[in-house]
C-alpha atoms as a PDB file:
ATOM      1  CA  MET A   1     103.791  69.669 105.559  1.00  0.00           C
ATOM      2  CA  SER A   2     102.010  72.655 104.055  1.00  0.00           C
ATOM      3  CA  GLY A   3     103.845  75.693 102.783  1.00  0.00           C
ATOM      4  CA  LEU A   4     102.469  77.773 105.639  1.00  0.00           C
ATOM      5  CA  THR A   5     103.583  75.250 108.261  1.00  0.00           C
ATOM      6  CA  ASP A   6     107.062  75.074 106.728  1.00  0.00           C
ATOM      7  CA  ILE A   7     107.556  78.854 106.510  1.00  0.00           C
ATOM      8  CA  THR A   8     106.193  79.384 110.016  1.00  0.00           C
ATOM      9  CA  ALA A   9     108.615  76.782 111.366  1.00  0.00           C
ATOM     10  CA  ARG A  10     111.534  78.445 109.561  1.00  0.00           C
ATOM     11  CA  ILE A  11     110.569  81.841 110.984  1.00  0.00           C
ATOM     12  CA  GLU A  12     110.462  80.379 114.482  1.00  0.00           C
ATOM     13  CA  ARG A  13     113.878  78.732 114.082  1.00  0.00           C
ATOM     14  CA  ALA A  14     115.434  81.915 112.697  1.00  0.00           C
ATOM     15  CA  ALA A  15     113.981  84.006 115.530  1.00  0.00           C
ATOM     16  CA  ARG A  16     115.231  81.631 118.212  1.00  0.00           C
ATOM     17  CA  ALA A  17     118.675  81.539 116.585  1.00  0.00           C
ATOM     18  CA  ALA A  18     118.731  85.337 116.876  1.00  0.00           C
ATOM     19  CA  ASN A  19     117.604  85.160 120.524  1.00  0.00           C
ATOM     20  CA  ARG A  20     114.276  86.707 119.593  1.00  0.00           C
ATOM     21  CA  ASP A  21     110.717  85.803 120.475  1.00  0.00           C
ATOM     22  CA  PRO A  22     109.199  84.124 117.382  1.00  0.00           C
ATOM     23  CA  ALA A  23     105.998  86.049 118.091  1.00  0.00           C
ATOM     24  CA  SER A  24     107.902  89.278 117.336  1.00  0.00           C
ATOM     25  CA  VAL A  25     108.096  88.342 113.632  1.00  0.00           C
ATOM     26  CA  ARG A  26     104.974  88.414 111.470  1.00  0.00           C
ATOM     27  CA  LEU A  27     104.567  86.606 108.166  1.00  0.00           C
ATOM     28  CA  ILE A  28     103.095  88.679 105.343  1.00  0.00           C
ATOM     29  CA  ALA A  29     101.799  86.238 102.753  1.00  0.00           C
ATOM     30  CA  VAL A  30     102.490  87.932  99.414  1.00  0.00           C
ATOM     31  CA  SER A  31      99.492  86.935  97.339  1.00  0.00           C
ATOM     32  CA  LYS A  32     100.056  89.016  94.200  1.00  0.00           C
ATOM     33  CA  VAL A  33      99.458  87.121  90.942  1.00  0.00           C
ATOM     34  CA  GLN A  34      98.458  83.989  92.850  1.00  0.00           C
ATOM     35  CA  PRO A  35      95.431  81.872  91.912  1.00  0.00           C
ATOM     36  CA  LEU A  36      92.466  82.343  94.202  1.00  0.00           C
ATOM     37  CA  ALA A  37      92.554  78.683  95.228  1.00  0.00           C
ATOM     38  CA  ARG A  38      96.059  79.071  96.663  1.00  0.00           C
ATOM     39  CA  ILE A  39      95.038  82.142  98.648  1.00  0.00           C
ATOM     40  CA  GLU A  40      91.943  80.398  99.958  1.00  0.00           C
ATOM     41  CA  ALA A  41      94.071  77.433 101.045  1.00  0.00           C
ATOM     42  CA  ILE A  42      96.241  79.731 103.200  1.00  0.00           C
ATOM     43  CA  LEU A  43      93.126  81.440 104.580  1.00  0.00           C
ATOM     44  CA  ASP A  44      91.625  78.038 105.377  1.00  0.00           C
ATOM     45  CA  GLU A  45      94.710  77.306 107.502  1.00  0.00           C
ATOM     46  CA  GLY A  46      93.905  80.390 109.553  1.00  0.00           C
ATOM     47  CA  HIS A  47      96.430  82.917 108.225  1.00  0.00           C
ATOM     48  CA  ARG A  48      95.081  86.467 108.027  1.00  0.00           C
ATOM     49  CA  LEU A  49      98.024  88.766 107.078  1.00  0.00           C
ATOM     50  CA  PHE A  50      98.536  89.330 103.358  1.00  0.00           C
ATOM     51  CA  GLY A  51     100.454  91.660 101.061  1.00  0.00           C
ATOM     52  CA  GLU A  52      99.501  92.897  97.606  1.00  0.00           C
ATOM     53  CA  ASN A  53     101.476  94.911  95.060  1.00  0.00           C
ATOM     54  CA  ARG A  54      98.730  96.535  93.033  1.00  0.00           C
ATOM     55  CA  VAL A  55      95.603  98.320  94.140  1.00  0.00           C
ATOM     56  CA  GLN A  56      93.510  97.200  91.184  1.00  0.00           C
ATOM     57  CA  GLU A  57      94.410  93.526  91.568  1.00  0.00           C
ATOM     58  CA  ALA A  58      93.655  93.660  95.293  1.00  0.00           C
ATOM     59  CA  GLN A  59      90.298  95.338  94.647  1.00  0.00           C
ATOM     60  CA  GLY A  60      89.333  92.393  92.482  1.00  0.00           C
ATOM     61  CA  LYS A  61      89.634  89.756  95.190  1.00  0.00           C
ATOM     62  CA  TRP A  62      89.897  91.000  98.769  1.00  0.00           C
ATOM     63  CA  PRO A  63      86.457  92.568  99.349  1.00  0.00           C
ATOM     64  CA  ASP A  64      84.858  89.206  98.581  1.00  0.00           C
ATOM     65  CA  LEU A  65      87.441  87.269 100.601  1.00  0.00           C
ATOM     66  CA  ARG A  66      86.855  89.547 103.577  1.00  0.00           C
ATOM     67  CA  GLU A  67      83.122  88.890 103.343  1.00  0.00           C
ATOM     68  CA  ARG A  68      83.751  85.160 103.399  1.00  0.00           C
ATOM     69  CA  TYR A  69      86.664  84.927 105.842  1.00  0.00           C
ATOM     70  CA  GLY A  70      86.142  87.884 108.146  1.00  0.00           C
ATOM     71  CA  GLU A  71      88.836  90.233 109.354  1.00  0.00           C
ATOM     72  CA  ILE A  72      91.991  90.232 107.220  1.00  0.00           C
ATOM     73  CA  ASP A  73      95.044  92.451 107.721  1.00  0.00           C
ATOM     74  CA  LEU A  74      95.942  93.654 104.227  1.00  0.00           C
ATOM     75  CA  HIS A  75      99.180  95.473 103.388  1.00  0.00           C
ATOM     76  CA  LEU A  76     100.063  97.337 100.197  1.00  0.00           C
ATOM     77  CA  ILE A  77     103.706  96.491  99.511  1.00  0.00           C
ATOM     78  CA  GLY A  78     103.989  97.743  95.932  1.00  0.00           C
ATOM     79  CA  PRO A  79     104.298 101.245  94.459  1.00  0.00           C
ATOM     80  CA  LEU A  80     101.339 103.555  95.002  1.00  0.00           C
ATOM     81  CA  GLN A  81     100.365 106.102  92.355  1.00  0.00           C
ATOM     82  CA  THR A  82      98.861 109.299  93.705  1.00  0.00           C
ATOM     83  CA  ASN A  83      95.683 108.749  91.665  1.00  0.00           C
ATOM     84  CA  LYS A  84      95.151 105.440  93.500  1.00  0.00           C
ATOM     85  CA  VAL A  85      95.441 106.858  97.035  1.00  0.00           C
ATOM     86  CA  LYS A  86      91.680 106.909  97.705  1.00  0.00           C
ATOM     87  CA  PRO A  87      90.991 103.283  96.740  1.00  0.00           C
ATOM     88  CA  ALA A  88      94.174 102.201  98.518  1.00  0.00           C
ATOM     89  CA  MET A  89      93.041 103.865 101.726  1.00  0.00           C
ATOM     90  CA  ASP A  90      89.622 102.240 101.331  1.00  0.00           C
ATOM     91  CA  LEU A  91      91.102  98.758 101.048  1.00  0.00           C
ATOM     92  CA  PHE A  92      94.421  98.486 102.893  1.00  0.00           C
ATOM     93  CA  ASP A  93      95.079  98.454 106.627  1.00  0.00           C
ATOM     94  CA  THR A  94      98.741  99.360 106.067  1.00  0.00           C
ATOM     95  CA  ILE A  95     100.594 101.046 103.205  1.00  0.00           C
ATOM     96  CA  GLN A  96     104.256 100.038 103.208  1.00  0.00           C
ATOM     97  CA  SER A  97     105.352 102.010 100.152  1.00  0.00           C
ATOM     98  CA  LEU A  98     105.351 105.652 101.258  1.00  0.00           C
ATOM     99  CA  ASP A  99     108.293 106.728  99.136  1.00  0.00           C
ATOM    100  CA  ARG A 100     108.059 110.400  98.157  1.00  0.00           C
ATOM    101  CA  ASN A 101     106.836 113.774  99.366  1.00  0.00           C
ATOM    102  CA  ARG A 102     104.058 114.137  96.779  1.00  0.00           C
ATOM    103  CA  LEU A 103     102.529 110.856  97.887  1.00  0.00           C
ATOM    104  CA  ALA A 104     102.794 111.854 101.548  1.00  0.00           C
ATOM    105  CA  VAL A 105     100.945 115.101 100.859  1.00  0.00           C
ATOM    106  CA  LYS A 106      98.198 113.262  98.970  1.00  0.00           C
ATOM    107  CA  ILE A 107      97.746 110.714 101.768  1.00  0.00           C
ATOM    108  CA  ALA A 108      97.742 113.465 104.410  1.00  0.00           C
ATOM    109  CA  THR A 109      95.061 115.429 102.537  1.00  0.00           C
ATOM    110  CA  GLU A 110      92.888 112.366 102.157  1.00  0.00           C
ATOM    111  CA  ALA A 111      93.427 111.358 105.792  1.00  0.00           C
ATOM    112  CA  GLN A 112      92.366 114.792 106.978  1.00  0.00           C
ATOM    113  CA  GLU A 113      89.141 114.541 104.993  1.00  0.00           C
ATOM    114  CA  ARG A 114      88.397 111.047 106.319  1.00  0.00           C
ATOM    115  CA  GLY A 115      89.594 111.538 109.859  1.00  0.00           C
ATOM    116  CA  THR A 116      91.450 108.230 109.591  1.00  0.00           C
ATOM    117  CA  CYS A 117      94.528 106.810 107.886  1.00  0.00           C
ATOM    118  CA  PRO A 118      96.095 103.382 107.371  1.00  0.00           C
ATOM    119  CA  ASP A 119      99.341 102.699 109.195  1.00  0.00           C
ATOM    120  CA  LEU A 120     102.296 103.776 107.063  1.00  0.00           C
ATOM    121  CA  TYR A 121     105.803 102.470 106.448  1.00  0.00           C
ATOM    122  CA  VAL A 122     108.438 104.562 104.688  1.00  0.00           C
ATOM    123  CA  GLN A 123     110.140 102.703 101.854  1.00  0.00           C
ATOM    124  CA  VAL A 124     113.902 103.243 101.730  1.00  0.00           C
ATOM    125  CA  ASN A 125     115.976 102.570  98.618  1.00  0.00           C
ATOM    126  CA  THR A 126     118.941 101.126 100.505  1.00  0.00           C
ATOM    127  CA  GLY A 127     120.850 100.299  97.321  1.00  0.00           C
ATOM    128  CA  ALA A 128     120.290 103.704  95.689  1.00  0.00           C
ATOM    129  CA  GLU A 129     118.987 101.890  92.617  1.00  0.00           C
ATOM    130  CA  LYS A 130     117.721 104.288  89.963  1.00  0.00           C
ATOM    131  CA  GLN A 131     115.005 101.913  88.777  1.00  0.00           C
ATOM    132  CA  LYS A 132     113.654 101.271  92.264  1.00  0.00           C
ATOM    133  CA  ALA A 133     111.303 103.386  94.371  1.00  0.00           C
ATOM    134  CA  GLY A 134     112.175 104.585  97.843  1.00  0.00           C
ATOM    135  CA  ILE A 135     113.664 107.432  99.825  1.00  0.00           C
ATOM    136  CA  ALA A 136     117.450 107.699  99.720  1.00  0.00           C
ATOM    137  CA  PRO A 137     118.990 106.520 103.011  1.00  0.00           C
ATOM    138  CA  ASP A 138     120.573 109.933 103.624  1.00  0.00           C
ATOM    139  CA  ASP A 139     117.163 111.592 103.244  1.00  0.00           C
ATOM    140  CA  ALA A 140     115.184 109.107 105.327  1.00  0.00           C
ATOM    141  CA  ASP A 141     115.436 110.809 108.723  1.00  0.00           C
ATOM    142  CA  ALA A 142     114.250 114.165 107.402  1.00  0.00           C
ATOM    143  CA  PHE A 143     111.439 112.581 105.373  1.00  0.00           C
ATOM    144  CA  ILE A 144     110.186 110.553 108.336  1.00  0.00           C
ATOM    145  CA  ALA A 145     110.216 113.656 110.532  1.00  0.00           C
ATOM    146  CA  ARG A 146     108.355 115.694 107.917  1.00  0.00           C
ATOM    147  CA  CYS A 147     105.667 113.036 107.525  1.00  0.00           C
ATOM    148  CA  ARG A 148     105.127 112.764 111.252  1.00  0.00           C
ATOM    149  CA  GLU A 149     105.552 116.319 112.441  1.00  0.00           C
ATOM    150  CA  GLU A 150     104.350 118.437 109.519  1.00  0.00           C
ATOM    151  CA  MET A 151     101.707 116.114 108.061  1.00  0.00           C
ATOM    152  CA  ASP A 152     100.695 114.205 111.208  1.00  0.00           C
ATOM    153  CA  LEU A 153     100.917 110.882 109.369  1.00  0.00           C
ATOM    154  CA  PRO A 154     100.949 107.589 111.325  1.00  0.00           C
ATOM    155  CA  VAL A 155     104.392 106.420 110.213  1.00  0.00           C
ATOM    156  CA  ILE A 156     105.110 103.359 112.363  1.00  0.00           C
ATOM    157  CA  GLY A 157     107.500 101.374 110.206  1.00  0.00           C
ATOM    158  CA  ILE A 158     110.094 101.152 107.487  1.00  0.00           C
ATOM    159  CA  MET A 159     110.490  98.893 104.464  1.00  0.00           C
ATOM    160  CA  ALA A 160     113.143  98.034 101.895  1.00  0.00           C
ATOM    161  CA  ILE A 161     113.870  95.687  99.008  1.00  0.00           C
ATOM    162  CA  PRO A 162     117.652  95.184  98.811  1.00  0.00           C
ATOM    163  CA  PRO A 163     119.385  94.858  95.414  1.00  0.00           C
ATOM    164  CA  ALA A 164     118.895  91.384  94.007  1.00  0.00           C
ATOM    165  CA  ASP A 165     122.550  91.017  93.031  1.00  0.00           C
ATOM    166  CA  GLU A 166     124.082  91.912  96.411  1.00  0.00           C
ATOM    167  CA  PRO A 167     124.209  90.149  99.780  1.00  0.00           C
ATOM    168  CA  PRO A 168     121.337  91.616 101.797  1.00  0.00           C
ATOM    169  CA  ASP A 169     123.126  91.867 105.157  1.00  0.00           C
ATOM    170  CA  SER A 170     124.405  95.437 104.885  1.00  0.00           C
ATOM    171  CA  HIS A 171     121.048  96.632 103.558  1.00  0.00           C
ATOM    172  CA  PHE A 172     119.134  94.993 106.395  1.00  0.00           C
ATOM    173  CA  ASP A 173     121.562  96.490 108.888  1.00  0.00           C
ATOM    174  CA  LEU A 174     121.177  99.957 107.368  1.00  0.00           C
ATOM    175  CA  LEU A 175     117.384  99.738 107.484  1.00  0.00           C
ATOM    176  CA  ALA A 176     117.422  98.574 111.101  1.00  0.00           C
ATOM    177  CA  GLN A 177     119.660 101.518 112.056  1.00  0.00           C
ATOM    178  CA  ILE A 178     117.303 104.012 110.400  1.00  0.00           C
ATOM    179  CA  ALA A 179     114.345 102.446 112.189  1.00  0.00           C
ATOM    180  CA  GLU A 180     116.071 102.541 115.558  1.00  0.00           C
ATOM    181  CA  ARG A 181     117.148 106.153 115.470  1.00  0.00           C
ATOM    182  CA  ASN A 182     113.681 107.242 114.341  1.00  0.00           C
ATOM    183  CA  GLY A 183     111.834 105.156 116.913  1.00  0.00           C
ATOM    184  CA  LEU A 184     110.052 103.044 114.298  1.00  0.00           C
ATOM    185  CA  VAL A 185     108.817  99.789 115.784  1.00  0.00           C
ATOM    186  CA  GLU A 186     108.062  97.934 112.558  1.00  0.00           C
ATOM    187  CA  ILE A 187     110.758  96.787 110.117  1.00  0.00           C
ATOM    188  CA  SER A 188     109.515  95.075 106.946  1.00  0.00           C
ATOM    189  CA  MET A 189     112.393  93.340 105.195  1.00  0.00           C
ATOM    190  CA  GLY A 190     113.228  89.922 103.876  1.00  0.00           C
ATOM    191  CA  MET A 191     111.522  87.899 101.167  1.00  0.00           C
ATOM    192  CA  SER A 192     111.438  84.248 100.121  1.00  0.00           C
ATOM    193  CA  ALA A 193     115.182  83.961  99.514  1.00  0.00           C
ATOM    194  CA  ASP A 194     116.495  85.886 102.507  1.00  0.00           C
ATOM    195  CA  PHE A 195     113.843  86.234 105.224  1.00  0.00           C
ATOM    196  CA  GLU A 196     115.857  84.241 107.749  1.00  0.00           C
ATOM    197  CA  THR A 197     118.776  86.666 107.375  1.00  0.00           C
ATOM    198  CA  ALA A 198     116.352  89.577 107.749  1.00  0.00           C
ATOM    199  CA  ILE A 199     115.089  88.140 111.026  1.00  0.00           C
ATOM    200  CA  ALA A 200     118.668  88.035 112.331  1.00  0.00           C
ATOM    201  CA  PHE A 201     118.885  91.784 111.625  1.00  0.00           C
ATOM    202  CA  GLY A 202     115.636  92.631 113.391  1.00  0.00           C
ATOM    203  CA  ALA A 203     112.816  92.265 110.871  1.00  0.00           C
ATOM    204  CA  THR A 204     109.399  92.389 112.499  1.00  0.00           C
ATOM    205  CA  ALA A 205     107.633  91.446 109.248  1.00  0.00           C
ATOM    206  CA  VAL A 206     108.867  89.263 106.404  1.00  0.00           C
ATOM    207  CA  ARG A 207     107.200  89.246 102.984  1.00  0.00           C
ATOM    208  CA  VAL A 208     107.058  85.721 101.582  1.00  0.00           C
ATOM    209  CA  GLY A 209     105.387  84.808  98.310  1.00  0.00           C
ATOM    210  CA  SER A 210     106.819  82.045  96.124  1.00  0.00           C
ATOM    211  CA  ALA A 211     108.278  80.043  99.033  1.00  0.00           C
ATOM    212  CA  LEU A 212     104.814  79.981 100.566  1.00  0.00           C
ATOM    213  CA  PHE A 213     102.438  79.699  97.622  1.00  0.00           C
ATOM    214  CA  GLY A 214     104.663  78.273  94.912  1.00  0.00           C
ATOM    215  CA  GLU A 215     105.837  80.095  91.820  1.00  0.00           C
ATOM    216  CA  ARG A 216     103.612  82.915  90.621  1.00  0.00           C
ATOM    217  CA  ILE A 217     101.280  82.362  87.715  1.00  0.00           C
ATOM    218  CA  PRO A 218     100.925  85.662  85.813  1.00  0.00           C
ATOM    219  CA  THR A 219      97.393  86.376  84.663  1.00  0.00           C
ATOM    220  CA  GLY A 220      98.510  88.252  81.555  1.00  0.00           C
ATOM    221  CA  GLY A 221      97.959  91.855  80.564  1.00  0.00           C
END
Protein backbone atom coordinates (compact mmCIF):
# COMPACT_ATOMS: atom_id res chain seq x y z
CA MET A 1 0.00 0.00 0.00
CA SER A 2 1.38 3.39 -0.96
CA GLY A 3 1.59 6.27 1.48
CA LEU A 4 -1.12 8.12 -0.42
CA THR A 5 -3.47 5.13 -0.36
CA ASP A 6 -2.89 4.65 3.37
CA ILE A 7 -3.46 8.30 4.31
CA THR A 8 -6.52 8.55 2.08
CA ALA A 9 -7.99 5.46 3.73
CA ARG A 10 -7.32 6.89 7.20
CA ILE A 11 -9.01 10.17 6.24
CA GLU A 12 -12.05 8.28 5.00
CA ARG A 13 -12.28 6.21 8.19
CA ALA A 14 -11.92 9.29 10.41
CA ALA A 15 -14.59 11.17 8.45
CA ARG A 16 -17.05 8.29 8.63
CA ALA A 17 -16.39 7.91 12.36
CA ALA A 18 -17.33 11.58 12.74
CA ASN A 19 -20.47 11.08 10.62
CA ARG A 20 -18.98 13.22 7.87
CA ASP A 21 -18.74 12.75 4.13
CA PRO A 22 -15.12 11.75 3.38
CA ALA A 23 -15.28 14.02 0.33
CA SER A 24 -15.62 17.00 2.71
CA VAL A 25 -11.99 16.55 3.83
CA ARG A 26 -9.13 17.38 1.47
CA LEU A 27 -5.58 16.12 1.82
CA ILE A 28 -2.86 18.75 1.43
CA ALA A 29 0.35 16.91 0.66
CA VAL A 30 3.05 18.91 2.44
CA SER A 31 5.98 18.67 0.06
CA LYS A 32 8.46 21.04 1.71
CA VAL A 33 12.03 19.72 1.85
CA GLN A 34 11.02 16.54 0.02
CA PRO A 35 13.06 15.05 -2.83
CA LEU A 36 11.58 15.64 -6.25
CA ALA A 37 11.21 11.91 -6.84
CA ARG A 38 8.86 11.57 -3.86
CA ILE A 39 6.72 14.46 -5.07
CA GLU A 40 6.58 13.04 -8.57
CA ALA A 41 5.50 9.67 -7.17
CA ILE A 42 2.49 11.30 -5.46
CA LEU A 43 1.70 13.26 -8.63
CA ASP A 44 1.92 10.04 -10.65
CA GLU A 45 -0.78 8.58 -8.39
CA GLY A 46 -3.05 11.44 -9.40
CA HIS A 47 -2.88 13.72 -6.35
CA ARG A 48 -2.94 17.42 -7.20
CA LEU A 49 -3.20 19.36 -3.88
CA PHE A 50 0.10 20.34 -2.29
CA GLY A 51 1.38 22.65 0.44
CA GLU A 52 4.70 24.47 0.63
CA ASN A 53 6.26 26.49 3.45
CA ARG A 54 8.63 28.76 1.57
CA VAL A 55 8.09 30.83 -1.53
CA GLN A 56 11.63 30.45 -2.81
CA GLU A 57 11.66 26.66 -2.45
CA ALA A 58 8.30 26.40 -4.21
CA GLN A 59 9.50 28.64 -7.05
CA GLY A 60 12.31 26.19 -7.67
CA LYS A 61 10.11 23.20 -8.43
CA TRP A 62 6.43 23.89 -9.05
CA PRO A 63 6.51 25.86 -12.33
CA ASP A 64 8.23 22.91 -14.00
CA LEU A 65 5.97 20.36 -12.31
CA ARG A 66 2.91 22.27 -13.46
CA GLU A 67 4.21 22.22 -17.03
CA ARG A 68 4.64 18.47 -16.84
CA TYR A 69 1.59 17.47 -14.78
CA GLY A 70 -0.96 20.14 -15.61
CA GLU A 71 -3.22 21.87 -13.13
CA ILE A 72 -2.01 21.68 -9.52
CA ASP A 73 -3.67 23.33 -6.51
CA LEU A 74 -0.79 24.85 -4.54
CA HIS A 75 -1.15 26.26 -1.02
CA LEU A 76 1.34 28.38 0.92
CA ILE A 77 1.18 27.10 4.49
CA GLY A 78 4.29 28.77 5.90
CA PRO A 79 5.01 32.35 6.99
CA LEU A 80 4.87 34.98 4.26
CA GLN A 81 7.21 37.98 4.35
CA THR A 82 5.77 41.16 2.88
CA ASN A 83 8.63 41.37 0.36
CA LYS A 84 7.59 37.96 -1.02
CA VAL A 85 3.92 38.83 -1.58
CA LYS A 86 4.26 39.35 -5.35
CA PRO A 87 5.97 36.03 -6.13
CA ALA A 88 3.64 34.25 -3.71
CA MET A 89 0.60 35.62 -5.51
CA ASP A 90 2.15 34.59 -8.83
CA LEU A 91 2.62 31.00 -7.72
CA PHE A 92 0.05 29.99 -5.10
CA ASP A 93 -3.66 29.35 -5.53
CA THR A 94 -4.24 29.77 -1.78
CA ILE A 95 -2.30 31.53 0.97
CA GLN A 96 -3.08 29.99 4.36
CA SER A 97 -0.80 32.17 6.47
CA LEU A 98 -2.47 35.59 6.55
CA ASP A 99 -1.41 36.49 10.07
CA ARG A 100 -1.05 40.25 10.51
CA ASN A 101 -2.45 43.58 9.37
CA ARG A 102 0.67 44.70 7.49
CA LEU A 103 0.57 41.57 5.37
CA ALA A 104 -3.14 42.01 4.69
CA VAL A 105 -2.56 45.56 3.47
CA LYS A 106 0.26 44.42 1.19
CA ILE A 107 -1.84 41.62 -0.30
CA ALA A 108 -4.82 43.96 -0.76
CA THR A 109 -2.68 46.53 -2.58
CA GLU A 110 -1.22 43.91 -4.87
CA ALA A 111 -4.65 42.35 -5.48
CA GLN A 112 -6.08 45.71 -6.46
CA GLU A 113 -3.31 46.22 -9.01
CA ARG A 114 -3.78 42.73 -10.46
CA GLY A 115 -7.54 42.55 -10.27
CA THR A 116 -7.20 39.07 -8.77
CA CYS A 117 -6.14 37.45 -5.51
CA PRO A 118 -5.48 33.93 -4.24
CA ASP A 119 -7.94 32.53 -1.73
CA LEU A 120 -6.87 33.43 1.80
CA TYR A 121 -6.98 31.70 5.18
CA VAL A 122 -6.35 33.60 8.41
CA GLN A 123 -3.79 31.90 10.63
CA VAL A 124 -4.74 31.89 14.31
CA ASN A 125 -2.21 31.34 17.10
CA THR A 126 -4.53 29.22 19.24
CA GLY A 127 -1.87 28.56 21.87
CA ALA A 128 -0.75 32.20 22.15
CA GLU A 129 2.82 31.03 21.58
CA LYS A 130 5.26 33.93 21.38
CA GLN A 131 7.50 32.17 18.87
CA LYS A 132 4.65 31.27 16.53
CA ALA A 133 2.90 33.41 13.92
CA GLY A 134 -0.83 33.98 13.90
CA ILE A 135 -3.59 36.28 15.07
CA ALA A 136 -4.52 35.99 18.74
CA PRO A 137 -7.85 34.16 19.16
CA ASP A 138 -9.43 37.18 20.86
CA ASP A 139 -8.46 39.37 17.89
CA ALA A 140 -9.50 36.95 15.15
CA ASP A 141 -13.08 38.12 14.62
CA ALA A 142 -12.09 41.76 14.22
CA PHE A 143 -9.16 40.91 11.94
CA ILE A 144 -11.30 38.71 9.69
CA ALA A 145 -13.92 41.45 9.44
CA ARG A 146 -11.30 44.08 8.62
CA CYS A 147 -9.77 41.93 5.88
CA ARG A 148 -13.13 41.24 4.29
CA GLU A 149 -14.98 44.50 4.74
CA GLU A 150 -12.25 47.15 4.64
CA MET A 151 -9.78 45.46 2.28
CA ASP A 152 -12.17 43.32 0.23
CA LEU A 153 -9.92 40.28 0.60
CA PRO A 154 -11.22 36.79 -0.27
CA VAL A 155 -10.86 35.28 3.20
CA ILE A 156 -12.57 31.88 2.95
CA GLY A 157 -10.80 29.87 5.62
CA ILE A 158 -8.86 29.63 8.84
CA MET A 159 -5.71 27.77 9.83
CA ALA A 160 -3.81 26.88 12.99
CA ILE A 161 -0.86 24.86 14.24
CA PRO A 162 -1.57 23.83 17.85
CA PRO A 163 1.26 23.71 20.42
CA ALA A 164 3.32 20.57 19.98
CA ASP A 165 3.35 19.79 23.70
CA GLU A 166 -0.41 19.98 24.30
CA PRO A 167 -3.34 17.78 23.29
CA PRO A 168 -4.76 19.37 20.14
CA ASP A 169 -8.46 18.90 20.93
CA SER A 170 -9.15 22.24 22.61
CA HIS A 171 -7.22 24.09 19.91
CA PHE A 172 -9.13 22.39 17.11
CA ASP A 173 -12.39 23.16 18.88
CA LEU A 174 -11.44 26.82 19.31
CA LEU A 175 -10.52 27.15 15.64
CA ALA A 176 -13.77 25.52 14.53
CA GLN A 177 -15.76 27.94 16.71
CA ILE A 178 -14.00 30.96 15.20
CA ALA A 179 -14.66 29.63 11.71
CA GLU A 180 -18.33 29.00 12.42
CA ARG A 181 -19.14 32.39 13.85
CA ASN A 182 -17.35 34.13 10.98
CA GLY A 183 -18.96 32.02 8.28
CA LEU A 184 -15.65 30.57 7.09
CA VAL A 185 -16.18 27.37 5.14
CA GLU A 186 -12.60 26.10 5.13
CA ILE A 187 -10.79 24.90 8.26
CA SER A 188 -7.16 23.84 7.79
CA MET A 189 -5.95 21.94 10.84
CA GLY A 190 -4.33 18.65 11.64
CA MET A 191 -0.96 17.29 10.56
CA SER A 192 0.68 13.87 10.38
CA ALA A 193 0.32 13.11 14.09
CA ASP A 194 -3.19 14.39 14.71
CA PHE A 195 -5.14 14.76 11.45
CA GLU A 196 -7.72 12.17 12.45
CA THR A 197 -8.54 14.16 15.60
CA ALA A 198 -8.77 17.32 13.49
CA ILE A 199 -11.30 15.66 11.21
CA ALA A 200 -13.46 14.84 14.25
CA PHE A 201 -13.49 18.58 15.06
CA GLY A 202 -14.46 19.66 11.55
CA ALA A 203 -11.27 20.06 9.53
CA THR A 204 -11.94 20.47 5.83
CA ALA A 205 -8.23 20.25 4.96
CA VAL A 206 -5.48 18.32 6.70
CA ARG A 207 -1.79 19.01 6.07
CA VAL A 208 0.18 15.77 5.95
CA GLY A 209 3.88 15.57 5.18
CA SER A 210 6.06 12.94 6.87
CA ALA A 211 3.25 10.37 7.23
CA LEU A 212 2.71 10.62 3.48
CA PHE A 213 6.18 11.10 2.02
CA GLY A 214 8.42 9.73 4.75
CA GLU A 215 10.73 11.76 6.93
CA ARG A 216 11.97 15.02 5.45
CA ILE A 217 15.44 15.22 3.98
CA PRO A 218 16.77 18.76 4.54
CA THR A 219 18.67 20.15 1.57
CA GLY A 220 21.01 22.24 3.71
CA GLY A 221 21.47 25.98 3.85
